[in-house]
PDB file of all heavy atoms in Angstrom:
ATOM      1  N   GLY A   1      20.224  -9.956   2.499  1.00  0.00           N
ATOM      2  CA  GLY A   1      20.205  -9.399   1.150  1.00  0.00           C
ATOM      3  C   GLY A   1      19.025  -9.759   0.299  1.00  0.00           C
ATOM      4  O   GLY A   1      19.203 -10.215  -0.840  1.00  0.00           O
ATOM      5  N   TYR A   2      17.826  -9.532   0.797  1.00  0.00           N
ATOM      6  CA  TYR A   2      16.619  -9.697  -0.045  1.00  0.00           C
ATOM      7  C   TYR A   2      16.354  -8.366  -0.745  1.00  0.00           C
ATOM      8  O   TYR A   2      15.393  -7.639  -0.450  1.00  0.00           O
ATOM      9  CB  TYR A   2      15.427 -10.128   0.813  1.00  0.00           C
ATOM     10  CG  TYR A   2      15.627 -11.462   1.481  1.00  0.00           C
ATOM     11  CD1 TYR A   2      15.430 -11.595   2.865  1.00  0.00           C
ATOM     12  CD2 TYR A   2      16.010 -12.580   0.769  1.00  0.00           C
ATOM     13  CE1 TYR A   2      15.586 -12.818   3.497  1.00  0.00           C
ATOM     14  CE2 TYR A   2      16.206 -13.805   1.398  1.00  0.00           C
ATOM     15  CZ  TYR A   2      15.975 -13.918   2.767  1.00  0.00           C
ATOM     16  OH  TYR A   2      16.171 -15.119   3.406  1.00  0.00           O
ATOM     17  N   ASN A   3      17.234  -8.029  -1.686  1.00  0.00           N
ATOM     18  CA  ASN A   3      17.257  -6.683  -2.258  1.00  0.00           C
ATOM     19  C   ASN A   3      16.039  -6.346  -3.102  1.00  0.00           C
ATOM     20  O   ASN A   3      15.724  -5.151  -3.278  1.00  0.00           O
ATOM     21  CB  ASN A   3      18.523  -6.481  -3.078  1.00  0.00           C
ATOM     22  CG  ASN A   3      18.733  -7.556  -4.124  1.00  0.00           C
ATOM     23  OD1 ASN A   3      19.166  -8.659  -3.779  1.00  0.00           O
ATOM     24  ND2 ASN A   3      18.400  -7.292  -5.382  1.00  0.00           N
ATOM     25  N   TYR A   4      15.313  -7.344  -3.617  1.00  0.00           N
ATOM     26  CA  TYR A   4      14.174  -7.019  -4.485  1.00  0.00           C
ATOM     27  C   TYR A   4      13.042  -6.360  -3.675  1.00  0.00           C
ATOM     28  O   TYR A   4      12.213  -5.669  -4.264  1.00  0.00           O
ATOM     29  CB  TYR A   4      13.690  -8.296  -5.189  1.00  0.00           C
ATOM     30  CG  TYR A   4      14.746  -8.889  -6.077  1.00  0.00           C
ATOM     31  CD1 TYR A   4      15.525  -9.949  -5.630  1.00  0.00           C
ATOM     32  CD2 TYR A   4      15.013  -8.354  -7.334  1.00  0.00           C
ATOM     33  CE1 TYR A   4      16.534 -10.486  -6.418  1.00  0.00           C
ATOM     34  CE2 TYR A   4      16.002  -8.880  -8.117  1.00  0.00           C
ATOM     35  CZ  TYR A   4      16.776  -9.938  -7.678  1.00  0.00           C
ATOM     36  OH  TYR A   4      17.788 -10.439  -8.455  1.00  0.00           O
ATOM     37  N   ARG A   5      13.040  -6.521  -2.359  1.00  0.00           N
ATOM     38  CA  ARG A   5      12.105  -5.802  -1.516  1.00  0.00           C
ATOM     39  C   ARG A   5      12.216  -4.292  -1.683  1.00  0.00           C
ATOM     40  O   ARG A   5      11.263  -3.569  -1.432  1.00  0.00           O
ATOM     41  CB  ARG A   5      12.372  -6.100  -0.040  1.00  0.00           C
ATOM     42  CG  ARG A   5      11.880  -7.385   0.514  1.00  0.00           C
ATOM     43  CD  ARG A   5      11.973  -7.306   2.019  1.00  0.00           C
ATOM     44  NE  ARG A   5      11.639  -8.543   2.689  1.00  0.00           N
ATOM     45  CZ  ARG A   5      11.289  -8.609   3.973  1.00  0.00           C
ATOM     46  NH1 ARG A   5      11.240  -7.481   4.692  1.00  0.00           N
ATOM     47  NH2 ARG A   5      10.989  -9.742   4.548  1.00  0.00           N
ATOM     48  N   TRP A   6      13.430  -3.835  -2.045  1.00  0.00           N
ATOM     49  CA  TRP A   6      13.710  -2.399  -2.039  1.00  0.00           C
ATOM     50  C   TRP A   6      13.418  -1.728  -3.361  1.00  0.00           C
ATOM     51  O   TRP A   6      13.614  -0.492  -3.457  1.00  0.00           O
ATOM     52  CB  TRP A   6      15.141  -2.147  -1.603  1.00  0.00           C
ATOM     53  CG  TRP A   6      15.397  -2.648  -0.214  1.00  0.00           C
ATOM     54  CD1 TRP A   6      16.167  -3.722   0.155  1.00  0.00           C
ATOM     55  CD2 TRP A   6      14.846  -2.131   0.988  1.00  0.00           C
ATOM     56  NE1 TRP A   6      16.137  -3.900   1.514  1.00  0.00           N
ATOM     57  CE2 TRP A   6      15.330  -2.922   2.074  1.00  0.00           C
ATOM     58  CE3 TRP A   6      13.989  -1.062   1.313  1.00  0.00           C
ATOM     59  CZ2 TRP A   6      14.992  -2.683   3.402  1.00  0.00           C
ATOM     60  CZ3 TRP A   6      13.653  -0.829   2.613  1.00  0.00           C
ATOM     61  CH2 TRP A   6      14.149  -1.633   3.642  1.00  0.00           C
ATOM     62  N   ALA A   7      12.948  -2.461  -4.373  1.00  0.00           N
ATOM     63  CA  ALA A   7      12.507  -1.801  -5.582  1.00  0.00           C
ATOM     64  C   ALA A   7      11.383  -0.827  -5.246  1.00  0.00           C
ATOM     65  O   ALA A   7      10.415  -1.233  -4.581  1.00  0.00           O
ATOM     66  CB  ALA A   7      12.051  -2.826  -6.618  1.00  0.00           C
ATOM     67  N   PRO A   8      11.463   0.402  -5.637  1.00  0.00           N
ATOM     68  CA  PRO A   8      10.408   1.385  -5.241  1.00  0.00           C
ATOM     69  C   PRO A   8       9.000   0.949  -5.606  1.00  0.00           C
ATOM     70  O   PRO A   8       8.060   1.152  -4.828  1.00  0.00           O
ATOM     71  CB  PRO A   8      10.825   2.661  -5.995  1.00  0.00           C
ATOM     72  CG  PRO A   8      12.316   2.549  -6.066  1.00  0.00           C
ATOM     73  CD  PRO A   8      12.595   1.100  -6.298  1.00  0.00           C
ATOM     74  N   LEU A   9       8.817   0.303  -6.746  1.00  0.00           N
ATOM     75  CA  LEU A   9       7.475  -0.127  -7.134  1.00  0.00           C
ATOM     76  C   LEU A   9       7.039  -1.337  -6.338  1.00  0.00           C
ATOM     77  O   LEU A   9       5.797  -1.566  -6.157  1.00  0.00           O
ATOM     78  CB  LEU A   9       7.394  -0.399  -8.621  1.00  0.00           C
ATOM     79  CG  LEU A   9       7.407   0.854  -9.514  1.00  0.00           C
ATOM     80  CD1 LEU A   9       7.481   0.489 -10.990  1.00  0.00           C
ATOM     81  CD2 LEU A   9       6.174   1.732  -9.234  1.00  0.00           C
ATOM     82  N   VAL A  10       7.940  -2.147  -5.824  1.00  0.00           N
ATOM     83  CA  VAL A  10       7.580  -3.233  -4.922  1.00  0.00           C
ATOM     84  C   VAL A  10       7.078  -2.651  -3.594  1.00  0.00           C
ATOM     85  O   VAL A  10       6.088  -3.120  -3.016  1.00  0.00           O
ATOM     86  CB  VAL A  10       8.746  -4.199  -4.705  1.00  0.00           C
ATOM     87  CG1 VAL A  10       8.474  -5.168  -3.560  1.00  0.00           C
ATOM     88  CG2 VAL A  10       9.025  -4.966  -5.980  1.00  0.00           C
ATOM     89  N   ARG A  11       7.751  -1.606  -3.120  1.00  0.00           N
ATOM     90  CA  ARG A  11       7.268  -0.949  -1.896  1.00  0.00           C
ATOM     91  C   ARG A  11       5.867  -0.366  -2.090  1.00  0.00           C
ATOM     92  O   ARG A  11       5.026  -0.388  -1.189  1.00  0.00           O
ATOM     93  CB  ARG A  11       8.227   0.166  -1.459  1.00  0.00           C
ATOM     94  CG  ARG A  11       9.677  -0.203  -1.350  1.00  0.00           C
ATOM     95  CD  ARG A  11       9.955  -1.336  -0.378  1.00  0.00           C
ATOM     96  NE  ARG A  11       9.810  -0.984   1.020  1.00  0.00           N
ATOM     97  CZ  ARG A  11      10.317  -1.709   2.002  1.00  0.00           C
ATOM     98  NH1 ARG A  11      11.035  -2.814   1.747  1.00  0.00           N
ATOM     99  NH2 ARG A  11      10.127  -1.361   3.246  1.00  0.00           N
ATOM    100  N   TYR A  12       5.595   0.111  -3.306  1.00  0.00           N
ATOM    101  CA  TYR A  12       4.273   0.636  -3.609  1.00  0.00           C
ATOM    102  C   TYR A  12       3.248  -0.514  -3.613  1.00  0.00           C
ATOM    103  O   TYR A  12       2.136  -0.349  -3.084  1.00  0.00           O
ATOM    104  CB  TYR A  12       4.286   1.336  -4.971  1.00  0.00           C
ATOM    105  CG  TYR A  12       2.961   1.904  -5.400  1.00  0.00           C
ATOM    106  CD1 TYR A  12       2.249   2.770  -4.589  1.00  0.00           C
ATOM    107  CD2 TYR A  12       2.428   1.604  -6.666  1.00  0.00           C
ATOM    108  CE1 TYR A  12       1.029   3.301  -5.003  1.00  0.00           C
ATOM    109  CE2 TYR A  12       1.230   2.131  -7.073  1.00  0.00           C
ATOM    110  CZ  TYR A  12       0.525   2.973  -6.246  1.00  0.00           C
ATOM    111  OH  TYR A  12      -0.674   3.495  -6.638  1.00  0.00           O
ATOM    112  N   ALA A  13       3.618  -1.644  -4.178  1.00  0.00           N
ATOM    113  CA  ALA A  13       2.720  -2.803  -4.172  1.00  0.00           C
ATOM    114  C   ALA A  13       2.416  -3.216  -2.730  1.00  0.00           C
ATOM    115  O   ALA A  13       1.263  -3.523  -2.407  1.00  0.00           O
ATOM    116  CB  ALA A  13       3.354  -3.985  -4.929  1.00  0.00           C
ATOM    117  N   LYS A  14       3.422  -3.212  -1.879  1.00  0.00           N
ATOM    118  CA  LYS A  14       3.219  -3.543  -0.468  1.00  0.00           C
ATOM    119  C   LYS A  14       2.213  -2.559   0.173  1.00  0.00           C
ATOM    120  O   LYS A  14       1.324  -2.973   0.925  1.00  0.00           O
ATOM    121  CB  LYS A  14       4.565  -3.468   0.237  1.00  0.00           C
ATOM    122  CG  LYS A  14       4.520  -3.604   1.765  1.00  0.00           C
ATOM    123  CD  LYS A  14       4.208  -4.999   2.226  1.00  0.00           C
ATOM    124  CE  LYS A  14       4.487  -5.138   3.721  1.00  0.00           C
ATOM    125  NZ  LYS A  14       4.100  -6.494   4.232  1.00  0.00           N
ATOM    126  N   GLN A  15       2.336  -1.298  -0.142  1.00  0.00           N
ATOM    127  CA  GLN A  15       1.440  -0.293   0.396  1.00  0.00           C
ATOM    128  C   GLN A  15      -0.009  -0.547  -0.068  1.00  0.00           C
ATOM    129  O   GLN A  15      -0.948  -0.432   0.707  1.00  0.00           O
ATOM    130  CB  GLN A  15       1.892   1.093  -0.077  1.00  0.00           C
ATOM    131  CG  GLN A  15       0.968   2.246   0.313  1.00  0.00           C
ATOM    132  CD  GLN A  15       1.443   3.548  -0.307  1.00  0.00           C
ATOM    133  OE1 GLN A  15       2.603   3.755  -0.630  1.00  0.00           O
ATOM    134  NE2 GLN A  15       0.473   4.451  -0.527  1.00  0.00           N
ATOM    135  N   LEU A  16      -0.162  -0.901  -1.349  1.00  0.00           N
ATOM    136  CA  LEU A  16      -1.509  -1.175  -1.867  1.00  0.00           C
ATOM    137  C   LEU A  16      -2.151  -2.383  -1.173  1.00  0.00           C
ATOM    138  O   LEU A  16      -3.344  -2.382  -0.907  1.00  0.00           O
ATOM    139  CB  LEU A  16      -1.434  -1.433  -3.384  1.00  0.00           C
ATOM    140  CG  LEU A  16      -1.018  -0.222  -4.251  1.00  0.00           C
ATOM    141  CD1 LEU A  16      -0.835  -0.665  -5.703  1.00  0.00           C
ATOM    142  CD2 LEU A  16      -2.057   0.900  -4.149  1.00  0.00           C
ATOM    143  N   VAL A  17      -1.346  -3.398  -0.895  1.00  0.00           N
ATOM    144  CA  VAL A  17      -1.873  -4.582  -0.183  1.00  0.00           C
ATOM    145  C   VAL A  17      -2.238  -4.225   1.248  1.00  0.00           C
ATOM    146  O   VAL A  17      -3.309  -4.553   1.727  1.00  0.00           O
ATOM    147  CB  VAL A  17      -0.828  -5.735  -0.197  1.00  0.00           C
ATOM    148  CG1 VAL A  17      -1.298  -6.886   0.679  1.00  0.00           C
ATOM    149  CG2 VAL A  17      -0.610  -6.219  -1.643  1.00  0.00           C
ATOM    150  N   GLU A  18      -1.322  -3.523   1.936  1.00  0.00           N
ATOM    151  CA  GLU A  18      -1.542  -3.209   3.343  1.00  0.00           C
ATOM    152  C   GLU A  18      -2.728  -2.267   3.583  1.00  0.00           C
ATOM    153  O   GLU A  18      -3.416  -2.366   4.595  1.00  0.00           O
ATOM    154  CB  GLU A  18      -0.277  -2.575   3.936  1.00  0.00           C
ATOM    155  CG  GLU A  18       0.856  -3.556   4.141  1.00  0.00           C
ATOM    156  CD  GLU A  18       2.030  -2.942   4.871  1.00  0.00           C
ATOM    157  OE1 GLU A  18       2.240  -1.717   4.732  1.00  0.00           O
ATOM    158  OE2 GLU A  18       2.746  -3.694   5.555  1.00  0.00           O
ATOM    159  N   THR A  19      -2.981  -1.393   2.627  1.00  0.00           N
ATOM    160  CA  THR A  19      -4.094  -0.463   2.787  1.00  0.00           C
ATOM    161  C   THR A  19      -5.418  -1.016   2.278  1.00  0.00           C
ATOM    162  O   THR A  19      -6.434  -0.328   2.280  1.00  0.00           O
ATOM    163  CB  THR A  19      -3.805   0.874   2.069  1.00  0.00           C
ATOM    164  OG1 THR A  19      -3.500   0.618   0.682  1.00  0.00           O
ATOM    165  CG2 THR A  19      -2.625   1.584   2.733  1.00  0.00           C
ATOM    166  N   GLY A  20      -5.399  -2.251   1.828  1.00  0.00           N
ATOM    167  CA  GLY A  20      -6.637  -2.950   1.417  1.00  0.00           C
ATOM    168  C   GLY A  20      -7.159  -2.589   0.043  1.00  0.00           C
ATOM    169  O   GLY A  20      -8.277  -2.956  -0.305  1.00  0.00           O
ATOM    170  N   ARG A  21      -6.360  -1.925  -0.746  1.00  0.00           N
ATOM    171  CA  ARG A  21      -6.872  -1.488  -2.057  1.00  0.00           C
ATOM    172  C   ARG A  21      -7.016  -2.645  -3.059  1.00  0.00           C
ATOM    173  O   ARG A  21      -7.747  -2.511  -4.039  1.00  0.00           O
ATOM    174  CB  ARG A  21      -5.978  -0.404  -2.635  1.00  0.00           C
ATOM    175  CG  ARG A  21      -6.150   0.927  -1.862  1.00  0.00           C
ATOM    176  CD  ARG A  21      -5.211   1.981  -2.306  1.00  0.00           C
ATOM    177  NE  ARG A  21      -5.427   2.402  -3.692  1.00  0.00           N
ATOM    178  CZ  ARG A  21      -4.652   3.252  -4.349  1.00  0.00           C
ATOM    179  NH1 ARG A  21      -3.568   3.730  -3.749  1.00  0.00           N
ATOM    180  NH2 ARG A  21      -4.917   3.588  -5.602  1.00  0.00           N
ATOM    181  N   VAL A  22      -6.327  -3.781  -2.821  1.00  0.00           N
ATOM    182  CA  VAL A  22      -6.566  -4.957  -3.678  1.00  0.00           C
ATOM    183  C   VAL A  22      -7.534  -5.929  -2.984  1.00  0.00           C
ATOM    184  O   VAL A  22      -7.816  -6.999  -3.550  1.00  0.00           O
ATOM    185  CB  VAL A  22      -5.270  -5.664  -4.054  1.00  0.00           C
ATOM    186  CG1 VAL A  22      -4.395  -4.778  -4.947  1.00  0.00           C
ATOM    187  CG2 VAL A  22      -4.488  -6.109  -2.828  1.00  0.00           C
ATOM    188  N   GLY A  23      -8.001  -5.576  -1.819  1.00  0.00           N
ATOM    189  CA  GLY A  23      -9.005  -6.411  -1.130  1.00  0.00           C
ATOM    190  C   GLY A  23      -8.409  -7.564  -0.398  1.00  0.00           C
ATOM    191  O   GLY A  23      -7.213  -7.606  -0.062  1.00  0.00           O
ATOM    192  N   THR A  24      -9.256  -8.551  -0.115  1.00  0.00           N
ATOM    193  CA  THR A  24      -8.820  -9.761   0.582  1.00  0.00           C
ATOM    194  C   THR A  24      -7.935 -10.602  -0.320  1.00  0.00           C
ATOM    195  O   THR A  24      -8.300 -10.903  -1.456  1.00  0.00           O
ATOM    196  CB  THR A  24     -10.035 -10.609   1.000  1.00  0.00           C
ATOM    197  OG1 THR A  24     -10.899  -9.803   1.824  1.00  0.00           O
ATOM    198  CG2 THR A  24      -9.633 -11.850   1.750  1.00  0.00           C
ATOM    199  N   PRO A  25      -6.743 -10.981   0.137  1.00  0.00           N
ATOM    200  CA  PRO A  25      -5.822 -11.774  -0.702  1.00  0.00           C
ATOM    201  C   PRO A  25      -6.438 -13.122  -1.098  1.00  0.00           C
ATOM    202  O   PRO A  25      -7.031 -13.816  -0.260  1.00  0.00           O
ATOM    203  CB  PRO A  25      -4.616 -11.982   0.188  1.00  0.00           C
ATOM    204  CG  PRO A  25      -4.649 -10.872   1.181  1.00  0.00           C
ATOM    205  CD  PRO A  25      -6.103 -10.638   1.433  1.00  0.00           C
ATOM    206  N   THR A  26      -6.334 -13.470  -2.376  1.00  0.00           N
ATOM    207  CA  THR A  26      -6.865 -14.730  -2.843  1.00  0.00           C
ATOM    208  C   THR A  26      -5.823 -15.597  -3.551  1.00  0.00           C
ATOM    209  O   THR A  26      -5.753 -16.800  -3.317  1.00  0.00           O
ATOM    210  CB  THR A  26      -8.054 -14.512  -3.820  1.00  0.00           C
ATOM    211  OG1 THR A  26      -7.625 -13.678  -4.915  1.00  0.00           O
ATOM    212  CG2 THR A  26      -9.225 -13.869  -3.085  1.00  0.00           C
ATOM    213  N   HIS A  27      -5.003 -15.004  -4.429  1.00  0.00           N
ATOM    214  CA  HIS A  27      -4.029 -15.757  -5.216  1.00  0.00           C
ATOM    215  C   HIS A  27      -2.659 -15.093  -5.166  1.00  0.00           C
ATOM    216  O   HIS A  27      -2.569 -13.854  -5.125  1.00  0.00           O
ATOM    217  CB  HIS A  27      -4.453 -15.850  -6.674  1.00  0.00           C
ATOM    218  CG  HIS A  27      -5.810 -16.416  -6.921  1.00  0.00           C
ATOM    219  ND1 HIS A  27      -6.960 -15.657  -6.753  1.00  0.00           N
ATOM    220  CD2 HIS A  27      -6.206 -17.617  -7.328  1.00  0.00           C
ATOM    221  CE1 HIS A  27      -7.999 -16.392  -7.054  1.00  0.00           C
ATOM    222  NE2 HIS A  27      -7.577 -17.586  -7.401  1.00  0.00           N
ATOM    223  N   TYR A  28      -1.595 -15.896  -5.277  1.00  0.00           N
ATOM    224  CA  TYR A  28      -0.235 -15.380  -5.414  1.00  0.00           C
ATOM    225  C   TYR A  28       0.558 -16.317  -6.276  1.00  0.00           C
ATOM    226  O   TYR A  28       0.560 -17.536  -6.068  1.00  0.00           O
ATOM    227  CB  TYR A  28       0.442 -15.246  -4.041  1.00  0.00           C
ATOM    228  CG  TYR A  28       1.791 -14.561  -4.112  1.00  0.00           C
ATOM    229  CD1 TYR A  28       1.888 -13.197  -3.948  1.00  0.00           C
ATOM    230  CD2 TYR A  28       2.970 -15.299  -4.369  1.00  0.00           C
ATOM    231  CE1 TYR A  28       3.116 -12.540  -4.028  1.00  0.00           C
ATOM    232  CE2 TYR A  28       4.177 -14.672  -4.458  1.00  0.00           C
ATOM    233  CZ  TYR A  28       4.250 -13.289  -4.271  1.00  0.00           C
ATOM    234  OH  TYR A  28       5.459 -12.668  -4.391  1.00  0.00           O
ATOM    235  N   ARG A  29       1.304 -15.785  -7.261  1.00  0.00           N
ATOM    236  CA  ARG A  29       2.190 -16.564  -8.109  1.00  0.00           C
ATOM    237  C   ARG A  29       3.547 -15.880  -8.122  1.00  0.00           C
ATOM    238  O   ARG A  29       3.675 -14.777  -8.670  1.00  0.00           O
ATOM    239  CB  ARG A  29       1.628 -16.677  -9.524  1.00  0.00           C
ATOM    240  CG  ARG A  29       0.356 -17.498  -9.622  1.00  0.00           C
ATOM    241  CD  ARG A  29      -0.371 -17.377 -10.943  1.00  0.00           C
ATOM    242  NE  ARG A  29      -0.692 -15.982 -11.237  1.00  0.00           N
ATOM    243  CZ  ARG A  29      -1.650 -15.272 -10.634  1.00  0.00           C
ATOM    244  NH1 ARG A  29      -2.364 -15.811  -9.646  1.00  0.00           N
ATOM    245  NH2 ARG A  29      -1.921 -14.021 -10.967  1.00  0.00           N
TER     246      ARG A  29
END
């Protein structure tokens, strides 16, 4: 039950990361 994964805008954020549009990961909070 990690339900926050299923927020539509979270899935969009995942897509942006995976397609490289935010570049090389540097920070996460």
